[in-house]
Amino acid sequence: MVKHPKRPSGPPIFLMRHTRAKIDALTLRLNIMKERELSDVNKSRIEQLENRINRWPRIAAGVTKEKKRDIQKEGGSIIHDFNFFLSDLDGKGPV
């Protein structure tokens, strides 16, 4: 019987307090990575993640449930992309 590859899951959805803590840790690690000499691809990924973090609203109070869910999904997507592409560059593993 042939095993089919597992379908990749979507980015995780965390509570906002956990997402903020993870993104703060992620930002510190990105700042340390920027000082190293990395390939152009990794430098552009770091810049893209920093832009996404800057645009990401840290507080989701006073918005609709759908908007709050979108904010949580975007935060999970940022964390997922960092863990997938950049977490092994500093040797500390996933956030």
PDB file of N, CA and C in Angstrom:
ATOM      1  N   MET A   1       0.834  -1.170   0.000  1.00  0.00           N
ATOM      2  CA  MET A   1       0.000   0.000   0.000  1.00  0.00           C
ATOM      3  C   MET A   1       0.887   1.245   0.000  1.00  0.00           C
ATOM      4  N   VAL A   2       0.586   2.147  -0.889  1.00  0.00           N
ATOM      5  CA  VAL A   2       1.380   3.363  -1.038  1.00  0.00           C
ATOM      6  C   VAL A   2       0.850   4.432  -0.093  1.00  0.00           C
ATOM      7  N   LYS A   3       1.778   5.037   0.632  1.00  0.00           N
ATOM      8  CA  LYS A   3       1.385   6.144   1.501  1.00  0.00           C
ATOM      9  C   LYS A   3       1.472   7.436   0.716  1.00  0.00           C
ATOM     10  N   HIS A   4       0.432   8.201   0.772  1.00  0.00           N
ATOM     11  CA  HIS A   4       0.431   9.489   0.110  1.00  0.00           C
ATOM     12  C   HIS A   4       0.970  10.540   1.070  1.00  0.00           C
ATOM     13  N   PRO A   5       1.687  11.528   0.540  1.00  0.00           N
ATOM     14  CA  PRO A   5       2.209  12.564   1.430  1.00  0.00           C
ATOM     15  C   PRO A   5       1.076  13.319   2.118  1.00  0.00           C
ATOM     16  N   LYS A   6       1.336  13.698   3.343  1.00  0.00           N
ATOM     17  CA  LYS A   6       0.330  14.403   4.123  1.00  0.00           C
ATOM     18  C   LYS A   6       0.134  15.800   3.555  1.00  0.00           C
ATOM     19  N   ARG A   7      -1.083  16.211   3.495  1.00  0.00           N
ATOM     20  CA  ARG A   7      -1.403  17.548   2.998  1.00  0.00           C
ATOM     21  C   ARG A   7      -0.881  18.591   3.988  1.00  0.00           C
ATOM     22  N   PRO A   8      -0.165  19.588   3.525  1.00  0.00           N
ATOM     23  CA  PRO A   8       0.359  20.580   4.466  1.00  0.00           C
ATOM     24  C   PRO A   8      -0.778  21.338   5.140  1.00  0.00           C
ATOM     25  N   SER A   9      -0.631  21.491   6.431  1.00  0.00           N
ATOM     26  CA  SER A   9      -1.669  22.201   7.168  1.00  0.00           C
ATOM     27  C   SER A   9      -1.455  23.702   7.026  1.00  0.00           C
ATOM     28  N   GLY A  10      -2.475  24.454   7.335  1.00  0.00           N
ATOM     29  CA  GLY A  10      -2.371  25.901   7.292  1.00  0.00           C
ATOM     30  C   GLY A  10      -1.582  26.410   8.478  1.00  0.00           C
ATOM     31  N   PRO A  11      -1.318  27.697   8.504  1.00  0.00           N
ATOM     32  CA  PRO A  11      -0.583  28.258   9.630  1.00  0.00           C
ATOM     33  C   PRO A  11      -1.399  28.148  10.907  1.00  0.00           C
ATOM     34  N   PRO A  12      -0.718  28.007  12.042  1.00  0.00           N
ATOM     35  CA  PRO A  12      -1.447  27.861  13.300  1.00  0.00           C
ATOM     36  C   PRO A  12      -2.133  29.154  13.712  1.00  0.00           C
ATOM     37  N   ILE A  13      -3.155  29.025  14.540  1.00  0.00           N
ATOM     38  CA  ILE A  13      -3.864  30.179  15.077  1.00  0.00           C
ATOM     39  C   ILE A  13      -3.696  30.149  16.593  1.00  0.00           C
ATOM     40  N   PHE A  14      -3.022  31.165  17.140  1.00  0.00           N
ATOM     41  CA  PHE A  14      -2.770  31.250  18.564  1.00  0.00           C
ATOM     42  C   PHE A  14      -3.651  32.332  19.173  1.00  0.00           C
ATOM     43  N   LEU A  15      -3.774  32.294  20.487  1.00  0.00           N
ATOM     44  CA  LEU A  15      -4.381  33.414  21.191  1.00  0.00           C
ATOM     45  C   LEU A  15      -3.469  34.628  21.018  1.00  0.00           C
ATOM     46  N   MET A  16      -4.050  35.806  21.085  1.00  0.00           N
ATOM     47  CA  MET A  16      -3.275  37.021  20.821  1.00  0.00           C
ATOM     48  C   MET A  16      -2.115  37.186  21.798  1.00  0.00           C
ATOM     49  N   ARG A  17      -2.301  36.850  23.068  1.00  0.00           N
ATOM     50  CA  ARG A  17      -1.210  37.042  24.025  1.00  0.00           C
ATOM     51  C   ARG A  17      -0.031  36.129  23.696  1.00  0.00           C
ATOM     52  N   HIS A  18      -0.305  34.921  23.217  1.00  0.00           N
ATOM     53  CA  HIS A  18       0.773  34.025  22.826  1.00  0.00           C
ATOM     54  C   HIS A  18       1.418  34.492  21.525  1.00  0.00           C
ATOM     55  N   THR A  19       0.604  34.976  20.620  1.00  0.00           N
ATOM     56  CA  THR A  19       1.124  35.456  19.338  1.00  0.00           C
ATOM     57  C   THR A  19       2.033  36.659  19.545  1.00  0.00           C
ATOM     58  N   ARG A  20       1.606  37.597  20.379  1.00  0.00           N
ATOM     59  CA  ARG A  20       2.446  38.769  20.648  1.00  0.00           C
ATOM     60  C   ARG A  20       3.778  38.364  21.260  1.00  0.00           C
ATOM     61  N   ALA A  21       3.766  37.432  22.203  1.00  0.00           N
ATOM     62  CA  ALA A  21       5.006  36.985  22.841  1.00  0.00           C
ATOM     63  C   ALA A  21       5.929  36.306  21.834  1.00  0.00           C
ATOM     64  N   LYS A  22       5.352  35.465  20.973  1.00  0.00           N
ATOM     65  CA  LYS A  22       6.171  34.785  19.966  1.00  0.00           C
ATOM     66  C   LYS A  22       6.737  35.773  18.943  1.00  0.00           C
ATOM     67  N   ILE A  23       5.942  36.751  18.555  1.00  0.00           N
ATOM     68  CA  ILE A  23       6.418  37.717  17.570  1.00  0.00           C
ATOM     69  C   ILE A  23       7.478  38.634  18.180  1.00  0.00           C
ATOM     70  N   ASP A  24       7.372  38.943  19.469  1.00  0.00           N
ATOM     71  CA  ASP A  24       8.430  39.713  20.127  1.00  0.00           C
ATOM     72  C   ASP A  24       9.748  38.938  20.131  1.00  0.00           C
ATOM     73  N   ALA A  25       9.684  37.644  20.456  1.00  0.00           N
ATOM     74  CA  ALA A  25      10.880  36.806  20.434  1.00  0.00           C
ATOM     75  C   ALA A  25      11.432  36.687  19.013  1.00  0.00           C
ATOM     76  N   LEU A  26      10.545  36.554  18.066  1.00  0.00           N
ATOM     77  CA  LEU A  26      10.917  36.452  16.659  1.00  0.00           C
ATOM     78  C   LEU A  26      11.613  37.731  16.185  1.00  0.00           C
ATOM     79  N   THR A  27      11.111  38.895  16.620  1.00  0.00           N
ATOM     80  CA  THR A  27      11.701  40.172  16.224  1.00  0.00           C
ATOM     81  C   THR A  27      13.123  40.303  16.754  1.00  0.00           C
ATOM     82  N   LEU A  28      13.342  39.883  17.988  1.00  0.00           N
ATOM     83  CA  LEU A  28      14.697  39.926  18.547  1.00  0.00           C
ATOM     84  C   LEU A  28      15.647  39.044  17.745  1.00  0.00           C
ATOM     85  N   ARG A  29      15.186  37.863  17.388  1.00  0.00           N
ATOM     86  CA  ARG A  29      16.030  36.962  16.605  1.00  0.00           C
ATOM     87  C   ARG A  29      16.293  37.507  15.206  1.00  0.00           C
ATOM     88  N   LEU A  30      15.296  38.171  14.611  1.00  0.00           N
ATOM     89  CA  LEU A  30      15.516  38.763  13.287  1.00  0.00           C
ATOM     90  C   LEU A  30      16.558  39.867  13.351  1.00  0.00           C
ATOM     91  N   ASN A  31      16.527  40.670  14.416  1.00  0.00           N
ATOM     92  CA  ASN A  31      17.517  41.738  14.559  1.00  0.00           C
ATOM     93  C   ASN A  31      18.926  41.179  14.690  1.00  0.00           C
ATOM     94  N   ILE A  32      19.072  40.065  15.388  1.00  0.00           N
ATOM     95  CA  ILE A  32      20.387  39.425  15.508  1.00  0.00           C
ATOM     96  C   ILE A  32      20.820  38.853  14.165  1.00  0.00           C
ATOM     97  N   MET A  33      19.877  38.268  13.430  1.00  0.00           N
ATOM     98  CA  MET A  33      20.204  37.675  12.122  1.00  0.00           C
ATOM     99  C   MET A  33      20.625  38.726  11.106  1.00  0.00           C
ATOM    100  N   LYS A  34      20.053  39.927  11.200  1.00  0.00           N
ATOM    101  CA  LYS A  34      20.379  40.977  10.231  1.00  0.00           C
ATOM    102  C   LYS A  34      21.853  41.350  10.297  1.00  0.00           C
ATOM    103  N   GLU A  35      22.472  41.204  11.465  1.00  0.00           N
ATOM    104  CA  GLU A  35      23.875  41.573  11.614  1.00  0.00           C
ATOM    105  C   GLU A  35      24.814  40.559  10.970  1.00  0.00           C
ATOM    106  N   ARG A  36      24.344  39.354  10.755  1.00  0.00           N
ATOM    107  CA  ARG A  36      25.178  38.321  10.143  1.00  0.00           C
ATOM    108  C   ARG A  36      25.212  38.484   8.630  1.00  0.00           C
ATOM    109  N   GLU A  37      26.195  37.861   8.035  1.00  0.00           N
ATOM    110  CA  GLU A  37      26.269  37.854   6.576  1.00  0.00           C
ATOM    111  C   GLU A  37      25.450  36.667   6.077  1.00  0.00           C
ATOM    112  N   LEU A  38      24.356  36.973   5.420  1.00  0.00           N
ATOM    113  CA  LEU A  38      23.453  35.953   4.907  1.00  0.00           C
ATOM    114  C   LEU A  38      23.308  36.102   3.398  1.00  0.00           C
ATOM    115  N   SER A  39      22.722  35.111   2.785  1.00  0.00           N
ATOM    116  CA  SER A  39      22.488  35.190   1.347  1.00  0.00           C
ATOM    117  C   SER A  39      21.421  36.242   1.059  1.00  0.00           C
ATOM    118  N   ASP A  40      21.355  36.675  -0.186  1.00  0.00           N
ATOM    119  CA  ASP A  40      20.373  37.687  -0.577  1.00  0.00           C
ATOM    120  C   ASP A  40      18.939  37.197  -0.380  1.00  0.00           C
ATOM    121  N   VAL A  41      18.717  35.915  -0.601  1.00  0.00           N
ATOM    122  CA  VAL A  41      17.379  35.356  -0.433  1.00  0.00           C
ATOM    123  C   VAL A  41      16.949  35.469   1.025  1.00  0.00           C
ATOM    124  N   ASN A  42      17.838  35.112   1.937  1.00  0.00           N
ATOM    125  CA  ASN A  42      17.489  35.176   3.361  1.00  0.00           C
ATOM    126  C   ASN A  42      17.337  36.613   3.829  1.00  0.00           C
ATOM    127  N   LYS A  43      18.158  37.514   3.306  1.00  0.00           N
ATOM    128  CA  LYS A  43      18.022  38.927   3.667  1.00  0.00           C
ATOM    129  C   LYS A  43      16.666  39.466   3.215  1.00  0.00           C
ATOM    130  N   SER A  44      16.237  39.087   2.026  1.00  0.00           N
ATOM    131  CA  SER A  44      14.946  39.563   1.542  1.00  0.00           C
ATOM    132  C   SER A  44      13.799  38.958   2.356  1.00  0.00           C
ATOM    133  N   ARG A  45      13.936  37.697   2.778  1.00  0.00           N
ATOM    134  CA  ARG A  45      12.908  37.087   3.628  1.00  0.00           C
ATOM    135  C   ARG A  45      12.815  37.796   4.976  1.00  0.00           C
ATOM    136  N   ILE A  46      13.976  38.160   5.526  1.00  0.00           N
ATOM    137  CA  ILE A  46      13.986  38.885   6.800  1.00  0.00           C
ATOM    138  C   ILE A  46      13.293  40.227   6.637  1.00  0.00           C
ATOM    139  N   GLU A  47      13.590  40.935   5.558  1.00  0.00           N
ATOM    140  CA  GLU A  47      12.952  42.227   5.313  1.00  0.00           C
ATOM    141  C   GLU A  47      11.436  42.072   5.133  1.00  0.00           C
ATOM    142  N   GLN A  48      11.018  41.045   4.400  1.00  0.00           N
ATOM    143  CA  GLN A  48       9.589  40.815   4.202  1.00  0.00           C
ATOM    144  C   GLN A  48       8.884  40.522   5.524  1.00  0.00           C
ATOM    145  N   LEU A  49       9.514  39.693   6.361  1.00  0.00           N
ATOM    146  CA  LEU A  49       8.907  39.397   7.657  1.00  0.00           C
ATOM    147  C   LEU A  49       8.834  40.636   8.534  1.00  0.00           C
ATOM    148  N   GLU A  50       9.874  41.457   8.514  1.00  0.00           N
ATOM    149  CA  GLU A  50       9.847  42.692   9.306  1.00  0.00           C
ATOM    150  C   GLU A  50       8.735  43.618   8.835  1.00  0.00           C
ATOM    151  N   ASN A  51       8.533  43.708   7.530  1.00  0.00           N
ATOM    152  CA  ASN A  51       7.442  44.533   7.007  1.00  0.00           C
ATOM    153  C   ASN A  51       6.083  43.998   7.444  1.00  0.00           C
ATOM    154  N   ARG A  52       5.932  42.674   7.402  1.00  0.00           N
ATOM    155  CA  ARG A  52       4.667  42.078   7.834  1.00  0.00           C
ATOM    156  C   ARG A  52       4.429  42.283   9.323  1.00  0.00           C
ATOM    157  N   ILE A  53       5.495  42.200  10.123  1.00  0.00           N
ATOM    158  CA  ILE A  53       5.365  42.415  11.569  1.00  0.00           C
ATOM    159  C   ILE A  53       4.978  43.859  11.846  1.00  0.00           C
ATOM    160  N   ASN A  54       5.569  44.797  11.117  1.00  0.00           N
ATOM    161  CA  ASN A  54       5.243  46.213  11.327  1.00  0.00           C
ATOM    162  C   ASN A  54       3.797  46.522  10.968  1.00  0.00           C
ATOM    163  N   ARG A  55       3.255  45.850   9.959  1.00  0.00           N
ATOM    164  CA  ARG A  55       1.866  46.077   9.548  1.00  0.00           C
ATOM    165  C   ARG A  55       0.866  45.331  10.417  1.00  0.00           C
ATOM    166  N   TRP A  56       1.318  44.310  11.147  1.00  0.00           N
ATOM    167  CA  TRP A  56       0.427  43.464  11.938  1.00  0.00           C
ATOM    168  C   TRP A  56      -0.046  44.212  13.180  1.00  0.00           C
ATOM    169  N   PRO A  57      -1.370  44.333  13.379  1.00  0.00           N
ATOM    170  CA  PRO A  57      -1.873  45.027  14.570  1.00  0.00           C
ATOM    171  C   PRO A  57      -1.659  44.176  15.819  1.00  0.00           C
ATOM    172  N   ARG A  58      -1.074  44.768  16.835  1.00  0.00           N
ATOM    173  CA  ARG A  58      -0.752  44.026  18.058  1.00  0.00           C
ATOM    174  C   ARG A  58      -1.963  43.858  18.968  1.00  0.00           C
ATOM    175  N   ILE A  59      -2.944  44.698  18.831  1.00  0.00           N
ATOM    176  CA  ILE A  59      -4.117  44.639  19.698  1.00  0.00           C
ATOM    177  C   ILE A  59      -5.351  44.447  18.814  1.00  0.00           C
ATOM    178  N   ALA A  60      -6.164  43.469  19.174  1.00  0.00           N
ATOM    179  CA  ALA A  60      -7.355  43.164  18.375  1.00  0.00           C
ATOM    180  C   ALA A  60      -8.621  43.463  19.157  1.00  0.00           C
ATOM    181  N   ALA A  61      -8.557  44.408  20.073  1.00  0.00           N
ATOM    182  CA  ALA A  61      -9.740  44.755  20.863  1.00  0.00           C
ATOM    183  C   ALA A  61     -10.629  45.698  20.062  1.00  0.00           C
ATOM    184  N   GLY A  62     -11.917  45.527  20.202  1.00  0.00           N
ATOM    185  CA  GLY A  62     -12.870  46.420  19.554  1.00  0.00           C
ATOM    186  C   GLY A  62     -13.080  46.171  18.079  1.00  0.00           C
ATOM    187  N   VAL A  63     -12.725  44.981  17.592  1.00  0.00           N
ATOM    188  CA  VAL A  63     -12.958  44.652  16.187  1.00  0.00           C
ATOM    189  C   VAL A  63     -13.917  43.464  16.125  1.00  0.00           C
ATOM    190  N   THR A  64     -14.433  43.203  14.967  1.00  0.00           N
ATOM    191  CA  THR A  64     -15.367  42.091  14.804  1.00  0.00           C
ATOM    192  C   THR A  64     -14.639  40.758  14.957  1.00  0.00           C
ATOM    193  N   LYS A  65     -15.414  39.700  15.162  1.00  0.00           N
ATOM    194  CA  LYS A  65     -14.823  38.373  15.327  1.00  0.00           C
ATOM    195  C   LYS A  65     -14.062  37.937  14.079  1.00  0.00           C
ATOM    196  N   GLU A  66     -14.613  38.270  12.923  1.00  0.00           N
ATOM    197  CA  GLU A  66     -13.955  37.888  11.676  1.00  0.00           C
ATOM    198  C   GLU A  66     -12.609  38.600  11.525  1.00  0.00           C
ATOM    199  N   LYS A  67     -12.590  39.894  11.849  1.00  0.00           N
ATOM    200  CA  LYS A  67     -11.349  40.663  11.748  1.00  0.00           C
ATOM    201  C   LYS A  67     -10.324  40.153  12.762  1.00  0.00           C
ATOM    202  N   LYS A  68     -10.794  39.811  13.969  1.00  0.00           N
ATOM    203  CA  LYS A  68      -9.895  39.276  14.994  1.00  0.00           C
ATOM    204  C   LYS A  68      -9.307  37.947  14.525  1.00  0.00           C
ATOM    205  N   ARG A  69     -10.133  37.133  13.903  1.00  0.00           N
ATOM    206  CA  ARG A  69      -9.658  35.840  13.391  1.00  0.00           C
ATOM    207  C   ARG A  69      -8.615  36.050  12.295  1.00  0.00           C
ATOM    208  N   ASP A  70      -8.833  37.044  11.428  1.00  0.00           N
ATOM    209  CA  ASP A  70      -7.858  37.354  10.382  1.00  0.00           C
ATOM    210  C   ASP A  70      -6.535  37.830  10.981  1.00  0.00           C
ATOM    211  N   ILE A  71      -6.622  38.623  12.039  1.00  0.00           N
ATOM    212  CA  ILE A  71      -5.404  39.107  12.704  1.00  0.00           C
ATOM    213  C   ILE A  71      -4.647  37.929  13.321  1.00  0.00           C
ATOM    214  N   GLN A  72      -5.373  37.008  13.945  1.00  0.00           N
ATOM    215  CA  GLN A  72      -4.734  35.837  14.522  1.00  0.00           C
ATOM    216  C   GLN A  72      -4.107  34.957  13.439  1.00  0.00           C
ATOM    217  N   LYS A  73      -4.804  34.807  12.309  1.00  0.00           N
ATOM    218  CA  LYS A  73      -4.258  34.015  11.207  1.00  0.00           C
ATOM    219  C   LYS A  73      -2.986  34.642  10.650  1.00  0.00           C
ATOM    220  N   GLU A  74      -2.984  35.958  10.513  1.00  0.00           N
ATOM    221  CA  GLU A  74      -1.791  36.637   9.996  1.00  0.00           C
ATOM    222  C   GLU A  74      -0.624  36.470  10.963  1.00  0.00           C
ATOM    223  N   GLY A  75      -0.876  36.589  12.256  1.00  0.00           N
ATOM    224  CA  GLY A  75       0.180  36.371  13.248  1.00  0.00           C
ATOM    225  C   GLY A  75       0.711  34.950  13.180  1.00  0.00           C
ATOM    226  N   GLY A  76      -0.174  33.973  13.073  1.00  0.00           N
ATOM    227  CA  GLY A  76       0.251  32.581  12.934  1.00  0.00           C
ATOM    228  C   GLY A  76       1.020  32.342  11.651  1.00  0.00           C
ATOM    229  N   SER A  77       0.618  33.032  10.604  1.00  0.00           N
ATOM    230  CA  SER A  77       1.317  32.910   9.327  1.00  0.00           C
ATOM    231  C   SER A  77       2.737  33.477   9.415  1.00  0.00           C
ATOM    232  N   ILE A  78       2.896  34.582  10.119  1.00  0.00           N
ATOM    233  CA  ILE A  78       4.232  35.172  10.302  1.00  0.00           C
ATOM    234  C   ILE A  78       5.126  34.196  11.067  1.00  0.00           C
ATOM    235  N   ILE A  79       4.589  33.638  12.145  1.00  0.00           N
ATOM    236  CA  ILE A  79       5.367  32.685  12.953  1.00  0.00           C
ATOM    237  C   ILE A  79       5.690  31.439  12.138  1.00  0.00           C
ATOM    238  N   HIS A  80       4.721  30.947  11.384  1.00  0.00           N
ATOM    239  CA  HIS A  80       4.929  29.756  10.557  1.00  0.00           C
ATOM    240  C   HIS A  80       6.022  29.999   9.510  1.00  0.00           C
ATOM    241  N   ASP A  81       5.978  31.135   8.840  1.00  0.00           N
ATOM    242  CA  ASP A  81       6.978  31.433   7.818  1.00  0.00           C
ATOM    243  C   ASP A  81       8.373  31.561   8.420  1.00  0.00           C
ATOM    244  N   PHE A  82       8.475  32.184   9.592  1.00  0.00           N
ATOM    245  CA  PHE A  82       9.784  32.275  10.244  1.00  0.00           C
ATOM    246  C   PHE A  82      10.295  30.886  10.586  1.00  0.00           C
ATOM    247  N   ASN A  83       9.447  30.057  11.189  1.00  0.00           N
ATOM    248  CA  ASN A  83       9.871  28.711  11.577  1.00  0.00           C
ATOM    249  C   ASN A  83      10.250  27.871  10.366  1.00  0.00           C
ATOM    250  N   PHE A  84       9.557  28.046   9.261  1.00  0.00           N
ATOM    251  CA  PHE A  84       9.814  27.237   8.074  1.00  0.00           C
ATOM    252  C   PHE A  84      11.091  27.669   7.352  1.00  0.00           C
ATOM    253  N   PHE A  85      11.303  28.988   7.194  1.00  0.00           N
ATOM    254  CA  PHE A  85      12.398  29.471   6.368  1.00  0.00           C
ATOM    255  C   PHE A  85      13.638  29.901   7.144  1.00  0.00           C
ATOM    256  N   LEU A  86      13.490  30.476   8.324  1.00  0.00           N
ATOM    257  CA  LEU A  86      14.626  31.150   8.955  1.00  0.00           C
ATOM    258  C   LEU A  86      15.021  30.616  10.320  1.00  0.00           C
ATOM    259  N   SER A  87      14.266  29.711  10.918  1.00  0.00           N
ATOM    260  CA  SER A  87      14.544  29.323  12.303  1.00  0.00           C
ATOM    261  C   SER A  87      15.872  28.585  12.463  1.00  0.00           C
ATOM    262  N   ASP A  88      16.338  27.931  11.423  1.00  0.00           N
ATOM    263  CA  ASP A  88      17.581  27.180  11.558  1.00  0.00           C
ATOM    264  C   ASP A  88      18.829  28.028  11.306  1.00  0.00           C
ATOM    265  N   LEU A  89      18.680  29.270  10.903  1.00  0.00           N
ATOM    266  CA  LEU A  89      19.839  30.108  10.594  1.00  0.00           C
ATOM    267  C   LEU A  89      20.605  30.537  11.833  1.00  0.00           C
ATOM    268  N   ASP A  90      19.922  30.698  12.964  1.00  0.00           N
ATOM    269  CA  ASP A  90      20.632  31.099  14.177  1.00  0.00           C
ATOM    270  C   ASP A  90      20.845  29.929  15.136  1.00  0.00           C
ATOM    271  N   GLY A  91      20.386  28.750  14.769  1.00  0.00           N
ATOM    272  CA  GLY A  91      20.634  27.564  15.568  1.00  0.00           C
ATOM    273  C   GLY A  91      19.756  27.423  16.795  1.00  0.00           C
ATOM    274  N   LYS A  92      18.731  28.241  16.942  1.00  0.00           N
ATOM    275  CA  LYS A  92      17.874  28.174  18.117  1.00  0.00           C
ATOM    276  C   LYS A  92      16.590  27.416  17.868  1.00  0.00           C
ATOM    277  N   GLY A  93      16.321  27.043  16.636  1.00  0.00           N
ATOM    278  CA  GLY A  93      15.129  26.273  16.330  1.00  0.00           C
ATOM    279  C   GLY A  93      13.873  27.130  16.221  1.00  0.00           C
ATOM    280  N   PRO A  94      12.719  26.477  16.147  1.00  0.00           N
ATOM    281  CA  PRO A  94      11.467  27.212  15.981  1.00  0.00           C
ATOM    282  C   PRO A  94      11.103  28.055  17.198  1.00  0.00           C
ATOM    283  N   VAL A  95      10.284  29.057  16.949  1.00  0.00           N
ATOM    284  CA  VAL A  95       9.800  29.923  18.041  1.00  0.00           C
ATOM    285  C   VAL A  95       8.691  29.209  18.744  1.00  0.00           C
TER     286      VAL A  95
END
